[in-house]
Amino acid sequence: MFGIGWMEFIVIALVLLIVVGPRRMPEMLSKGARLMAQLRTASRDLRNQIDAELVDVREARSEIQKELVARADRLYGEVAEAEDEAKRAKGDIRRSVLELRDDLKKAGTAETEKKAPQPKEAPP
């Protein structure tokens, strides 16, 4: 107890016996024992309160972690949806560009045919 060996305990008891006296020694020892019991009880109560608070903190941490995981999952889902939409839009844009190129080629061919010199007809 408190790192006190038997020799130190005997020395303390002798000093206490000399200072307090043999008549008051039992009363002092009983007060000391009550004080130690109260300290143990207070220590145990404090430890129990701390343990209860730690349980509450752990539960709150667990709930927060669950909420964060759920939010992260939702965000990953939204990101995946946005990526899919972007891929679809990219495909739509590619198709539109190809269609425009085809239309421009057709328009260019038609314009070239209009501008090309027409063979002159031979006089009859």
C-alpha atoms as a PDB file:
ATOM      1  CA  MET A   1       0.000   0.000   0.000  1.00  0.00           C
ATOM      2  CA  PHE A   2       1.503   3.349  -1.177  1.00  0.00           C
ATOM      3  CA  GLY A   3       4.928   1.690  -1.517  1.00  0.00           C
ATOM      4  CA  ILE A   4       5.385   1.497   2.274  1.00  0.00           C
ATOM      5  CA  GLY A   5       7.159  -1.571   3.599  1.00  0.00           C
ATOM      6  CA  TRP A   6       6.668  -3.177   7.013  1.00  0.00           C
ATOM      7  CA  MET A   7       9.615  -1.365   8.545  1.00  0.00           C
ATOM      8  CA  GLU A   8       8.347   2.057   7.460  1.00  0.00           C
ATOM      9  CA  PHE A   9       4.868   1.171   8.708  1.00  0.00           C
ATOM     10  CA  ILE A  10       6.240   0.204  12.137  1.00  0.00           C
ATOM     11  CA  VAL A  11       8.265   3.443  12.351  1.00  0.00           C
ATOM     12  CA  ILE A  12       5.175   5.502  11.458  1.00  0.00           C
ATOM     13  CA  ALA A  13       3.118   3.619  14.056  1.00  0.00           C
ATOM     14  CA  LEU A  14       5.759   4.273  16.765  1.00  0.00           C
ATOM     15  CA  VAL A  15       5.955   7.988  15.896  1.00  0.00           C
ATOM     16  CA  LEU A  16       2.159   8.178  15.958  1.00  0.00           C
ATOM     17  CA  LEU A  17       2.104   6.388  19.315  1.00  0.00           C
ATOM     18  CA  ILE A  18       4.587   8.879  20.749  1.00  0.00           C
ATOM     19  CA  VAL A  19       2.875  11.970  19.291  1.00  0.00           C
ATOM     20  CA  VAL A  20      -0.749  10.978  19.925  1.00  0.00           C
ATOM     21  CA  GLY A  21      -0.304   8.823  22.992  1.00  0.00           C
ATOM     22  CA  PRO A  22      -1.596   5.378  23.838  1.00  0.00           C
ATOM     23  CA  ARG A  23      -5.060   6.592  24.932  1.00  0.00           C
ATOM     24  CA  ARG A  24      -5.936   8.434  21.704  1.00  0.00           C
ATOM     25  CA  MET A  25      -4.175   5.956  19.413  1.00  0.00           C
ATOM     26  CA  PRO A  26      -7.224   3.655  18.886  1.00  0.00           C
ATOM     27  CA  GLU A  27      -9.424   6.688  18.195  1.00  0.00           C
ATOM     28  CA  MET A  28      -6.898   8.058  15.656  1.00  0.00           C
ATOM     29  CA  LEU A  29      -6.551   4.664  13.982  1.00  0.00           C
ATOM     30  CA  SER A  30     -10.316   4.344  13.707  1.00  0.00           C
ATOM     31  CA  LYS A  31     -10.583   7.864  12.193  1.00  0.00           C
ATOM     32  CA  GLY A  32      -7.758   6.983   9.812  1.00  0.00           C
ATOM     33  CA  ALA A  33      -9.530   3.770   8.799  1.00  0.00           C
ATOM     34  CA  ARG A  34     -12.794   5.676   8.197  1.00  0.00           C
ATOM     35  CA  LEU A  35     -10.939   8.284   6.182  1.00  0.00           C
ATOM     36  CA  MET A  36      -9.307   5.560   4.059  1.00  0.00           C
ATOM     37  CA  ALA A  37     -12.705   3.907   3.518  1.00  0.00           C
ATOM     38  CA  GLN A  38     -14.202   7.248   2.459  1.00  0.00           C
ATOM     39  CA  LEU A  39     -11.295   7.852   0.099  1.00  0.00           C
ATOM     40  CA  ARG A  40     -11.746   4.400  -1.437  1.00  0.00           C
ATOM     41  CA  THR A  41     -15.496   4.994  -1.832  1.00  0.00           C
ATOM     42  CA  ALA A  42     -14.937   8.419  -3.401  1.00  0.00           C
ATOM     43  CA  SER A  43     -12.275   6.963  -5.690  1.00  0.00           C
ATOM     44  CA  ARG A  44     -14.575   4.114  -6.744  1.00  0.00           C
ATOM     45  CA  ASP A  45     -17.488   6.535  -7.339  1.00  0.00           C
ATOM     46  CA  LEU A  46     -15.263   8.819  -9.408  1.00  0.00           C
ATOM     47  CA  ARG A  47     -13.987   5.872 -11.436  1.00  0.00           C
ATOM     48  CA  ASN A  48     -17.585   4.700 -12.048  1.00  0.00           C
ATOM     49  CA  GLN A  49     -18.620   8.194 -13.174  1.00  0.00           C
ATOM     50  CA  ILE A  50     -15.669   8.425 -15.526  1.00  0.00           C
ATOM     51  CA  ASP A  51     -16.453   4.984 -16.931  1.00  0.00           C
ATOM     52  CA  ALA A  52     -20.093   5.975 -17.478  1.00  0.00           C
ATOM     53  CA  GLU A  53     -19.021   9.170 -19.247  1.00  0.00           C
ATOM     54  CA  LEU A  54     -16.604   7.202 -21.400  1.00  0.00           C
ATOM     55  CA  VAL A  55     -19.431   4.876 -22.415  1.00  0.00           C
ATOM     56  CA  ASP A  56     -21.524   7.910 -23.409  1.00  0.00           C
ATOM     57  CA  VAL A  57     -18.613   9.395 -25.355  1.00  0.00           C
ATOM     58  CA  ARG A  58     -17.970   6.095 -27.132  1.00  0.00           C
ATOM     59  CA  GLU A  59     -21.652   5.792 -28.058  1.00  0.00           C
ATOM     60  CA  ALA A  60     -21.685   9.358 -29.392  1.00  0.00           C
ATOM     61  CA  ARG A  61     -18.495   8.686 -31.360  1.00  0.00           C
ATOM     62  CA  SER A  62     -20.034   5.535 -32.802  1.00  0.00           C
ATOM     63  CA  GLU A  63     -23.171   7.422 -33.883  1.00  0.00           C
ATOM     64  CA  ILE A  64     -21.067  10.172 -35.459  1.00  0.00           C
ATOM     65  CA  GLN A  65     -18.986   7.603 -37.325  1.00  0.00           C
ATOM     66  CA  LYS A  66     -22.117   5.900 -38.630  1.00  0.00           C
ATOM     67  CA  GLU A  67     -23.509   9.236 -39.799  1.00  0.00           C
ATOM     68  CA  LEU A  68     -20.231  10.137 -41.499  1.00  0.00           C
ATOM     69  CA  VAL A  69     -20.094   6.776 -43.263  1.00  0.00           C
ATOM     70  CA  ALA A  70     -23.698   7.212 -44.441  1.00  0.00           C
ATOM     71  CA  ARG A  71     -22.952  10.721 -45.736  1.00  0.00           C
ATOM     72  CA  ALA A  72     -19.797   9.521 -47.475  1.00  0.00           C
ATOM     73  CA  ASP A  73     -21.765   6.720 -49.137  1.00  0.00           C
ATOM     74  CA  ARG A  74     -24.375   9.210 -50.337  1.00  0.00           C
ATOM     75  CA  LEU A  75     -21.664  11.508 -51.682  1.00  0.00           C
ATOM     76  CA  TYR A  76     -19.949   8.641 -53.502  1.00  0.00           C
ATOM     77  CA  GLY A  77     -23.298   7.741 -55.046  1.00  0.00           C
ATOM     78  CA  GLU A  78     -23.877  11.316 -56.153  1.00  0.00           C
ATOM     79  CA  VAL A  79     -20.383  11.512 -57.623  1.00  0.00           C
ATOM     80  CA  ALA A  80     -20.956   8.258 -59.524  1.00  0.00           C
ATOM     81  CA  GLU A  81     -24.251   9.632 -60.886  1.00  0.00           C
ATOM     82  CA  ALA A  82     -22.545  12.865 -61.925  1.00  0.00           C
ATOM     83  CA  GLU A  83     -19.803  10.891 -63.679  1.00  0.00           C
ATOM     84  CA  ASP A  84     -22.421   8.852 -65.540  1.00  0.00           C
ATOM     85  CA  GLU A  85     -24.240  12.024 -66.587  1.00  0.00           C
ATOM     86  CA  ALA A  86     -20.953  13.544 -67.749  1.00  0.00           C
ATOM     87  CA  LYS A  87     -20.199  10.434 -69.830  1.00  0.00           C
ATOM     88  CA  ARG A  88     -23.665  10.572 -71.384  1.00  0.00           C
ATOM     89  CA  ALA A  89     -23.253  14.281 -72.128  1.00  0.00           C
ATOM     90  CA  LYS A  90     -19.833  13.634 -73.649  1.00  0.00           C
ATOM     91  CA  GLY A  91     -21.344  10.966 -75.898  1.00  0.00           C
ATOM     92  CA  ASP A  92     -24.161  13.320 -76.897  1.00  0.00           C
ATOM     93  CA  ILE A  93     -21.663  16.069 -77.712  1.00  0.00           C
ATOM     94  CA  ARG A  94     -19.551  13.674 -79.785  1.00  0.00           C
ATOM     95  CA  ARG A  95     -22.584  12.600 -81.756  1.00  0.00           C
ATOM     96  CA  SER A  96     -23.587  16.232 -82.300  1.00  0.00           C
ATOM     97  CA  VAL A  97     -20.079  17.128 -83.475  1.00  0.00           C
ATOM     98  CA  LEU A  98     -20.044  14.203 -85.893  1.00  0.00           C
ATOM     99  CA  GLU A  99     -23.463  15.171 -87.217  1.00  0.00           C
ATOM    100  CA  LEU A 100     -22.295  18.776 -87.660  1.00  0.00           C
ATOM    101  CA  ARG A 101     -19.204  17.607 -89.542  1.00  0.00           C
ATOM    102  CA  ASP A 102     -21.331  15.464 -91.796  1.00  0.00           C
ATOM    103  CA  ASP A 103     -23.729  18.369 -92.378  1.00  0.00           C
ATOM    104  CA  LEU A 104     -20.815  20.713 -93.101  1.00  0.00           C
ATOM    105  CA  LYS A 105     -19.291  18.226 -95.529  1.00  0.00           C
ATOM    106  CA  LYS A 106     -22.614  17.862 -97.302  1.00  0.00           C
ATOM    107  CA  ALA A 107     -23.097  21.628 -97.358  1.00  0.00           C
ATOM    108  CA  GLY A 108     -19.539  22.125 -98.593  1.00  0.00           C
ATOM    109  CA  THR A 109     -20.007  19.576-101.345  1.00  0.00           C
ATOM    110  CA  ALA A 110     -23.261  21.210-102.412  1.00  0.00           C
ATOM    111  CA  GLU A 111     -21.648  24.668-102.348  1.00  0.00           C
ATOM    112  CA  THR A 112     -18.679  23.421-104.328  1.00  0.00           C
ATOM    113  CA  GLU A 113     -20.976  21.979-106.925  1.00  0.00           C
ATOM    114  CA  LYS A 114     -22.772  25.319-107.226  1.00  0.00           C
ATOM    115  CA  LYS A 115     -19.512  27.242-107.645  1.00  0.00           C
ATOM    116  CA  ALA A 116     -17.926  24.794-110.020  1.00  0.00           C
ATOM    117  CA  PRO A 117     -17.938  26.084-113.566  1.00  0.00           C
ATOM    118  CA  GLN A 118     -20.693  24.555-115.563  1.00  0.00           C
ATOM    119  CA  PRO A 119     -19.575  22.996-118.799  1.00  0.00           C
ATOM    120  CA  LYS A 120     -20.569  25.228-121.619  1.00  0.00           C
ATOM    121  CA  GLU A 121     -23.023  23.817-123.918  1.00  0.00           C
ATOM    122  CA  ALA A 122     -22.021  23.626-127.485  1.00  0.00           C
ATOM    123  CA  PRO A 123     -23.981  25.845-129.814  1.00  0.00           C
ATOM    124  CA  PRO A 124     -26.515  23.942-131.754  1.00  0.00           C
END
